[in-house]
Amino acid sequence: PREAAEALATALGVEVRPGIAFEHEGEWHL
């Protein structure tokens, strides 16, 4: 998913903005 987001952002000429990480069922997600 990170690579897909970066590829889309590059094609659009913008940057990927990270949000606030959260924990769900013992795993962290950004």
PDB file of all heavy atoms in Angstrom:
ATOM      1  N   PRO A   1       0.809  -1.218   0.000  1.00  0.00           N
ATOM      2  CA  PRO A   1       0.000   0.000   0.000  1.00  0.00           C
ATOM      3  C   PRO A   1       0.846   1.274   0.000  1.00  0.00           C
ATOM      4  O   PRO A   1       0.474   2.269  -0.625  1.00  0.00           O
ATOM      5  CB  PRO A   1      -0.840  -0.112   1.260  1.00  0.00           C
ATOM      6  CG  PRO A   1      -0.091  -1.047   2.140  1.00  0.00           C
ATOM      7  CD  PRO A   1       0.624  -1.994   1.214  1.00  0.00           C
ATOM      8  N   ARG A   2       1.992   1.271   0.663  1.00  0.00           N
ATOM      9  CA  ARG A   2       2.847   2.465   0.683  1.00  0.00           C
ATOM     10  C   ARG A   2       3.384   2.752  -0.715  1.00  0.00           C
ATOM     11  O   ARG A   2       3.378   3.899  -1.174  1.00  0.00           O
ATOM     12  CB  ARG A   2       4.003   2.286   1.663  1.00  0.00           C
ATOM     13  CG  ARG A   2       4.854   3.549   1.807  1.00  0.00           C
ATOM     14  CD  ARG A   2       6.066   3.329   2.710  1.00  0.00           C
ATOM     15  NE  ARG A   2       5.739   2.867   4.038  1.00  0.00           N
ATOM     16  CZ  ARG A   2       5.647   3.647   5.108  1.00  0.00           C
ATOM     17  NH1 ARG A   2       5.861   4.943   4.998  1.00  0.00           N
ATOM     18  NH2 ARG A   2       5.359   3.133   6.286  1.00  0.00           N
ATOM     19  N   GLU A   3       3.825   1.708  -1.403  1.00  0.00           N
ATOM     20  CA  GLU A   3       4.354   1.879  -2.760  1.00  0.00           C
ATOM     21  C   GLU A   3       3.276   2.369  -3.718  1.00  0.00           C
ATOM     22  O   GLU A   3       3.534   3.202  -4.582  1.00  0.00           O
ATOM     23  CB  GLU A   3       4.967   0.568  -3.273  1.00  0.00           C
ATOM     24  CG  GLU A   3       6.217   0.157  -2.538  1.00  0.00           C
ATOM     25  CD  GLU A   3       5.965  -0.583  -1.217  1.00  0.00           C
ATOM     26  OE1 GLU A   3       4.783  -0.719  -0.795  1.00  0.00           O
ATOM     27  OE2 GLU A   3       6.957  -1.009  -0.595  1.00  0.00           O
ATOM     28  N   ALA A   4       2.061   1.857  -3.554  1.00  0.00           N
ATOM     29  CA  ALA A   4       0.951   2.312  -4.404  1.00  0.00           C
ATOM     30  C   ALA A   4       0.660   3.787  -4.155  1.00  0.00           C
ATOM     31  O   ALA A   4       0.459   4.558  -5.095  1.00  0.00           O
ATOM     32  CB  ALA A   4      -0.293   1.465  -4.142  1.00  0.00           C
ATOM     33  N   ALA A   5       0.669   4.199  -2.888  1.00  0.00           N
ATOM     34  CA  ALA A   5       0.427   5.608  -2.557  1.00  0.00           C
ATOM     35  C   ALA A   5       1.524   6.495  -3.139  1.00  0.00           C
ATOM     36  O   ALA A   5       1.238   7.558  -3.706  1.00  0.00           O
ATOM     37  CB  ALA A   5       0.345   5.785  -1.043  1.00  0.00           C
ATOM     38  N   GLU A   6       2.764   6.068  -3.019  1.00  0.00           N
ATOM     39  CA  GLU A   6       3.882   6.851  -3.560  1.00  0.00           C
ATOM     40  C   GLU A   6       3.796   6.955  -5.081  1.00  0.00           C
ATOM     41  O   GLU A   6       4.042   8.027  -5.645  1.00  0.00           O
ATOM     42  CB  GLU A   6       5.219   6.230  -3.147  1.00  0.00           C
ATOM     43  CG  GLU A   6       5.531   6.361  -1.678  1.00  0.00           C
ATOM     44  CD  GLU A   6       5.844   7.786  -1.233  1.00  0.00           C
ATOM     45  OE1 GLU A   6       6.119   8.659  -2.076  1.00  0.00           O
ATOM     46  OE2 GLU A   6       5.802   8.020  -0.011  1.00  0.00           O
ATOM     47  N   ALA A   7       3.452   5.854  -5.749  1.00  0.00           N
ATOM     48  CA  ALA A   7       3.338   5.875  -7.218  1.00  0.00           C
ATOM     49  C   ALA A   7       2.231   6.827  -7.663  1.00  0.00           C
ATOM     50  O   ALA A   7       2.404   7.598  -8.616  1.00  0.00           O
ATOM     51  CB  ALA A   7       3.083   4.466  -7.749  1.00  0.00           C
ATOM     52  N   LEU A   8       1.099   6.788  -6.973  1.00  0.00           N
ATOM     53  CA  LEU A   8      -0.011   7.686  -7.317  1.00  0.00           C
ATOM     54  C   LEU A   8       0.388   9.135  -7.089  1.00  0.00           C
ATOM     55  O   LEU A   8       0.162   9.996  -7.943  1.00  0.00           O
ATOM     56  CB  LEU A   8      -1.252   7.335  -6.500  1.00  0.00           C
ATOM     57  CG  LEU A   8      -2.460   8.230  -6.725  1.00  0.00           C
ATOM     58  CD1 LEU A   8      -2.943   8.167  -8.171  1.00  0.00           C
ATOM     59  CD2 LEU A   8      -3.583   7.836  -5.761  1.00  0.00           C
ATOM     60  N   ALA A   9       0.994   9.411  -5.949  1.00  0.00           N
ATOM     61  CA  ALA A   9       1.405  10.790  -5.638  1.00  0.00           C
ATOM     62  C   ALA A   9       2.413  11.300  -6.667  1.00  0.00           C
ATOM     63  O   ALA A   9       2.315  12.451  -7.110  1.00  0.00           O
ATOM     64  CB  ALA A   9       1.998  10.858  -4.238  1.00  0.00           C
ATOM     65  N   THR A  10       3.361  10.464  -7.042  1.00  0.00           N
ATOM     66  CA  THR A  10       4.358  10.867  -8.043  1.00  0.00           C
ATOM     67  C   THR A  10       3.681  11.190  -9.374  1.00  0.00           C
ATOM     68  O   THR A  10       3.990  12.206  -9.999  1.00  0.00           O
ATOM     69  CB  THR A  10       5.406   9.758  -8.221  1.00  0.00           C
ATOM     70  OG1 THR A  10       6.083   9.568  -6.969  1.00  0.00           O
ATOM     71  CG2 THR A  10       6.414  10.111  -9.300  1.00  0.00           C
ATOM     72  N   ALA A  11       2.743  10.349  -9.790  1.00  0.00           N
ATOM     73  CA  ALA A  11       2.033  10.589 -11.055  1.00  0.00           C
ATOM     74  C   ALA A  11       1.239  11.887 -11.014  1.00  0.00           C
ATOM     75  O   ALA A  11       1.113  12.582 -12.025  1.00  0.00           O
ATOM     76  CB  ALA A  11       1.110   9.413 -11.368  1.00  0.00           C
ATOM     77  N   LEU A  12       0.728  12.227  -9.836  1.00  0.00           N
ATOM     78  CA  LEU A  12      -0.067  13.450  -9.691  1.00  0.00           C
ATOM     79  C   LEU A  12       0.785  14.681  -9.394  1.00  0.00           C
ATOM     80  O   LEU A  12       0.284  15.804  -9.395  1.00  0.00           O
ATOM     81  CB  LEU A  12      -1.090  13.271  -8.562  1.00  0.00           C
ATOM     82  CG  LEU A  12      -2.185  12.251  -8.826  1.00  0.00           C
ATOM     83  CD1 LEU A  12      -2.940  11.943  -7.539  1.00  0.00           C
ATOM     84  CD2 LEU A  12      -3.129  12.741  -9.911  1.00  0.00           C
ATOM     85  N   GLY A  13       2.070  14.471  -9.102  1.00  0.00           N
ATOM     86  CA  GLY A  13       2.953  15.595  -8.801  1.00  0.00           C
ATOM     87  C   GLY A  13       2.725  16.187  -7.424  1.00  0.00           C
ATOM     88  O   GLY A  13       2.935  17.381  -7.216  1.00  0.00           O
ATOM     89  N   VAL A  14       2.287  15.353  -6.475  1.00  0.00           N
ATOM     90  CA  VAL A  14       2.055  15.811  -5.110  1.00  0.00           C
ATOM     91  C   VAL A  14       2.788  14.873  -4.152  1.00  0.00           C
ATOM     92  O   VAL A  14       3.370  13.882  -4.557  1.00  0.00           O
ATOM     93  CB  VAL A  14       0.548  15.859  -4.773  1.00  0.00           C
ATOM     94  CG1 VAL A  14      -0.177  16.850  -5.680  1.00  0.00           C
ATOM     95  CG2 VAL A  14      -0.095  14.479  -4.864  1.00  0.00           C
ATOM     96  N   GLU A  15       2.711  15.190  -2.876  1.00  0.00           N
ATOM     97  CA  GLU A  15       3.355  14.359  -1.866  1.00  0.00           C
ATOM     98  C   GLU A  15       2.315  13.568  -1.081  1.00  0.00           C
ATOM     99  O   GLU A  15       1.163  13.974  -0.971  1.00  0.00           O
ATOM    100  CB  GLU A  15       4.159  15.230  -0.900  1.00  0.00           C
ATOM    101  CG  GLU A  15       5.347  15.900  -1.562  1.00  0.00           C
ATOM    102  CD  GLU A  15       6.203  16.657  -0.573  1.00  0.00           C
ATOM    103  OE1 GLU A  15       6.038  16.470   0.651  1.00  0.00           O
ATOM    104  OE2 GLU A  15       7.050  17.420  -1.031  1.00  0.00           O
ATOM    105  N   VAL A  16       2.766  12.461  -0.527  1.00  0.00           N
ATOM    106  CA  VAL A  16       1.943  11.678   0.381  1.00  0.00           C
ATOM    107  C   VAL A  16       2.047  12.314   1.763  1.00  0.00           C
ATOM    108  O   VAL A  16       3.136  12.631   2.224  1.00  0.00           O
ATOM    109  CB  VAL A  16       2.428  10.212   0.450  1.00  0.00           C
ATOM    110  CG1 VAL A  16       1.634   9.425   1.483  1.00  0.00           C
ATOM    111  CG2 VAL A  16       2.339   9.550  -0.915  1.00  0.00           C
ATOM    112  N   ARG A  17       0.900  12.546   2.411  1.00  0.00           N
ATOM    113  CA  ARG A  17       0.886  13.100   3.767  1.00  0.00           C
ATOM    114  C   ARG A  17       0.550  11.994   4.749  1.00  0.00           C
ATOM    115  O   ARG A  17      -0.488  11.333   4.614  1.00  0.00           O
ATOM    116  CB  ARG A  17      -0.177  14.189   3.894  1.00  0.00           C
ATOM    117  CG  ARG A  17       0.130  15.468   3.167  1.00  0.00           C
ATOM    118  CD  ARG A  17      -0.906  16.567   3.452  1.00  0.00           C
ATOM    119  NE  ARG A  17      -2.292  16.156   3.193  1.00  0.00           N
ATOM    120  CZ  ARG A  17      -3.195  15.893   4.131  1.00  0.00           C
ATOM    121  NH1 ARG A  17      -2.917  15.975   5.394  1.00  0.00           N
ATOM    122  NH2 ARG A  17      -4.428  15.546   3.789  1.00  0.00           N
ATOM    123  N   PRO A  18       1.405  11.781   5.747  1.00  0.00           N
ATOM    124  CA  PRO A  18       1.068  10.776   6.758  1.00  0.00           C
ATOM    125  C   PRO A  18       0.057  11.328   7.751  1.00  0.00           C
ATOM    126  O   PRO A  18       0.048  12.515   8.060  1.00  0.00           O
ATOM    127  CB  PRO A  18       2.407  10.496   7.443  1.00  0.00           C
ATOM    128  CG  PRO A  18       3.197  11.754   7.241  1.00  0.00           C
ATOM    129  CD  PRO A  18       2.736  12.338   5.933  1.00  0.00           C
ATOM    130  N   GLY A  19      -0.798  10.460   8.223  1.00  0.00           N
ATOM    131  CA  GLY A  19      -1.756  10.831   9.254  1.00  0.00           C
ATOM    132  C   GLY A  19      -1.208  10.447  10.625  1.00  0.00           C
ATOM    133  O   GLY A  19       0.005  10.308  10.803  1.00  0.00           O
ATOM    134  N   ILE A  20      -2.080  10.248  11.564  1.00  0.00           N
ATOM    135  CA  ILE A  20      -1.703   9.867  12.923  1.00  0.00           C
ATOM    136  C   ILE A  20      -1.823   8.351  13.045  1.00  0.00           C
ATOM    137  O   ILE A  20      -2.887   7.778  12.765  1.00  0.00           O
ATOM    138  CB  ILE A  20      -2.598  10.568  13.955  1.00  0.00           C
ATOM    139  CG1 ILE A  20      -2.410  12.085  13.855  1.00  0.00           C
ATOM    140  CG2 ILE A  20      -2.296  10.079  15.364  1.00  0.00           C
ATOM    141  CD1 ILE A  20      -3.383  12.884  14.682  1.00  0.00           C
ATOM    142  N   ALA A  21      -0.734   7.721  13.452  1.00  0.00           N
ATOM    143  CA  ALA A  21      -0.730   6.265  13.596  1.00  0.00           C
ATOM    144  C   ALA A  21      -1.709   5.832  14.683  1.00  0.00           C
ATOM    145  O   ALA A  21      -1.961   6.563  15.643  1.00  0.00           O
ATOM    146  CB  ALA A  21       0.675   5.777  13.920  1.00  0.00           C
ATOM    147  N   PHE A  22      -2.271   4.651  14.509  1.00  0.00           N
ATOM    148  CA  PHE A  22      -3.200   4.113  15.492  1.00  0.00           C
ATOM    149  C   PHE A  22      -2.954   2.609  15.642  1.00  0.00           C
ATOM    150  O   PHE A  22      -2.409   1.964  14.755  1.00  0.00           O
ATOM    151  CB  PHE A  22      -4.650   4.388  15.084  1.00  0.00           C
ATOM    152  CG  PHE A  22      -5.052   3.734  13.787  1.00  0.00           C
ATOM    153  CD1 PHE A  22      -5.660   2.495  13.778  1.00  0.00           C
ATOM    154  CD2 PHE A  22      -4.809   4.378  12.578  1.00  0.00           C
ATOM    155  CE1 PHE A  22      -6.033   1.896  12.575  1.00  0.00           C
ATOM    156  CE2 PHE A  22      -5.175   3.791  11.374  1.00  0.00           C
ATOM    157  CZ  PHE A  22      -5.788   2.540  11.376  1.00  0.00           C
ATOM    158  N   GLU A  23      -3.363   2.109  16.776  1.00  0.00           N
ATOM    159  CA  GLU A  23      -3.201   0.676  17.055  1.00  0.00           C
ATOM    160  C   GLU A  23      -4.553  -0.006  16.926  1.00  0.00           C
ATOM    161  O   GLU A  23      -5.579   0.498  17.397  1.00  0.00           O
ATOM    162  CB  GLU A  23      -2.649   0.477  18.464  1.00  0.00           C
ATOM    163  CG  GLU A  23      -2.295  -0.961  18.759  1.00  0.00           C
ATOM    164  CD  GLU A  23      -1.672  -1.134  20.131  1.00  0.00           C
ATOM    165  OE1 GLU A  23      -1.671  -0.171  20.922  1.00  0.00           O
ATOM    166  OE2 GLU A  23      -1.217  -2.241  20.415  1.00  0.00           O
ATOM    167  N   HIS A  24      -4.559  -1.134  16.236  1.00  0.00           N
ATOM    168  CA  HIS A  24      -5.783  -1.909  16.049  1.00  0.00           C
ATOM    169  C   HIS A  24      -5.429  -3.382  16.180  1.00  0.00           C
ATOM    170  O   HIS A  24      -4.594  -3.884  15.428  1.00  0.00           O
ATOM    171  CB  HIS A  24      -6.406  -1.612  14.684  1.00  0.00           C
ATOM    172  CG  HIS A  24      -7.647  -2.402  14.408  1.00  0.00           C
ATOM    173  ND1 HIS A  24      -8.825  -2.171  15.064  1.00  0.00           N
ATOM    174  CD2 HIS A  24      -7.878  -3.421  13.562  1.00  0.00           C
ATOM    175  CE1 HIS A  24      -9.741  -3.007  14.615  1.00  0.00           C
ATOM    176  NE2 HIS A  24      -9.183  -3.779  13.712  1.00  0.00           N
ATOM    177  N   GLU A  25      -6.050  -4.040  17.141  1.00  0.00           N
ATOM    178  CA  GLU A  25      -5.827  -5.474  17.378  1.00  0.00           C
ATOM    179  C   GLU A  25      -4.348  -5.808  17.514  1.00  0.00           C
ATOM    180  O   GLU A  25      -3.848  -6.771  16.944  1.00  0.00           O
ATOM    181  CB  GLU A  25      -6.491  -6.311  16.289  1.00  0.00           C
ATOM    182  CG  GLU A  25      -8.001  -6.160  16.266  1.00  0.00           C
ATOM    183  CD  GLU A  25      -8.684  -6.990  15.203  1.00  0.00           C
ATOM    184  OE1 GLU A  25      -8.000  -7.682  14.411  1.00  0.00           O
ATOM    185  OE2 GLU A  25      -9.919  -6.953  15.151  1.00  0.00           O
ATOM    186  N   GLY A  26      -3.629  -4.959  18.254  1.00  0.00           N
ATOM    187  CA  GLY A  26      -2.225  -5.210  18.543  1.00  0.00           C
ATOM    188  C   GLY A  26      -1.252  -4.821  17.446  1.00  0.00           C
ATOM    189  O   GLY A  26      -0.049  -5.018  17.589  1.00  0.00           O
ATOM    190  N   GLU A  27      -1.738  -4.275  16.344  1.00  0.00           N
ATOM    191  CA  GLU A  27      -0.868  -3.856  15.242  1.00  0.00           C
ATOM    192  C   GLU A  27      -1.011  -2.355  15.036  1.00  0.00           C
ATOM    193  O   GLU A  27      -2.096  -1.794  15.154  1.00  0.00           O
ATOM    194  CB  GLU A  27      -1.235  -4.577  13.944  1.00  0.00           C
ATOM    195  CG  GLU A  27      -0.947  -6.049  13.960  1.00  0.00           C
ATOM    196  CD  GLU A  27      -1.224  -6.696  12.602  1.00  0.00           C
ATOM    197  OE1 GLU A  27      -1.613  -5.978  11.655  1.00  0.00           O
ATOM    198  OE2 GLU A  27      -1.060  -7.908  12.505  1.00  0.00           O
ATOM    199  N   TRP A  28       0.107  -1.717  14.704  1.00  0.00           N
ATOM    200  CA  TRP A  28       0.111  -0.282  14.422  1.00  0.00           C
ATOM    201  C   TRP A  28      -0.107  -0.048  12.940  1.00  0.00           C
ATOM    202  O   TRP A  28       0.433  -0.773  12.094  1.00  0.00           O
ATOM    203  CB  TRP A  28       1.437   0.343  14.854  1.00  0.00           C
ATOM    204  CG  TRP A  28       1.507   0.528  16.332  1.00  0.00           C
ATOM    205  CD1 TRP A  28       2.063  -0.318  17.239  1.00  0.00           C
ATOM    206  CD2 TRP A  28       0.984   1.629  17.065  1.00  0.00           C
ATOM    207  NE1 TRP A  28       1.918   0.189  18.506  1.00  0.00           N
ATOM    208  CE2 TRP A  28       1.260   1.388  18.431  1.00  0.00           C
ATOM    209  CE3 TRP A  28       0.306   2.795  16.711  1.00  0.00           C
ATOM    210  CZ2 TRP A  28       0.896   2.271  19.435  1.00  0.00           C
ATOM    211  CZ3 TRP A  28      -0.063   3.673  17.709  1.00  0.00           C
ATOM    212  CH2 TRP A  28       0.226   3.410  19.051  1.00  0.00           C
ATOM    213  N   HIS A  29      -0.899   0.975  12.640  1.00  0.00           N
ATOM    214  CA  HIS A  29      -1.201   1.348  11.251  1.00  0.00           C
ATOM    215  C   HIS A  29      -0.987   2.846  11.089  1.00  0.00           C
ATOM    216  O   HIS A  29      -1.304   3.628  11.989  1.00  0.00           O
ATOM    217  CB  HIS A  29      -2.645   0.994  10.901  1.00  0.00           C
ATOM    218  CG  HIS A  29      -2.938  -0.457  11.022  1.00  0.00           C
ATOM    219  ND1 HIS A  29      -2.770  -1.333   9.985  1.00  0.00           N
ATOM    220  CD2 HIS A  29      -3.357  -1.199  12.086  1.00  0.00           C
ATOM    221  CE1 HIS A  29      -3.097  -2.546  10.390  1.00  0.00           C
ATOM    222  NE2 HIS A  29      -3.444  -2.493  11.658  1.00  0.00           N
ATOM    223  N   LEU A  30      -0.472   3.223   9.944  1.00  0.00           N
ATOM    224  CA  LEU A  30      -0.258   4.628   9.625  1.00  0.00           C
ATOM    225  C   LEU A  30      -1.102   4.980   8.406  1.00  0.00           C
ATOM    226  O   LEU A  30      -0.892   4.415   7.327  1.00  0.00           O
ATOM    227  CB  LEU A  30       1.218   4.898   9.322  1.00  0.00           C
ATOM    228  CG  LEU A  30       1.583   6.334   8.947  1.00  0.00           C
ATOM    229  CD1 LEU A  30       1.367   7.264  10.139  1.00  0.00           C
ATOM    230  CD2 LEU A  30       3.026   6.402   8.467  1.00  0.00           C
TER     231      LEU A  30
END
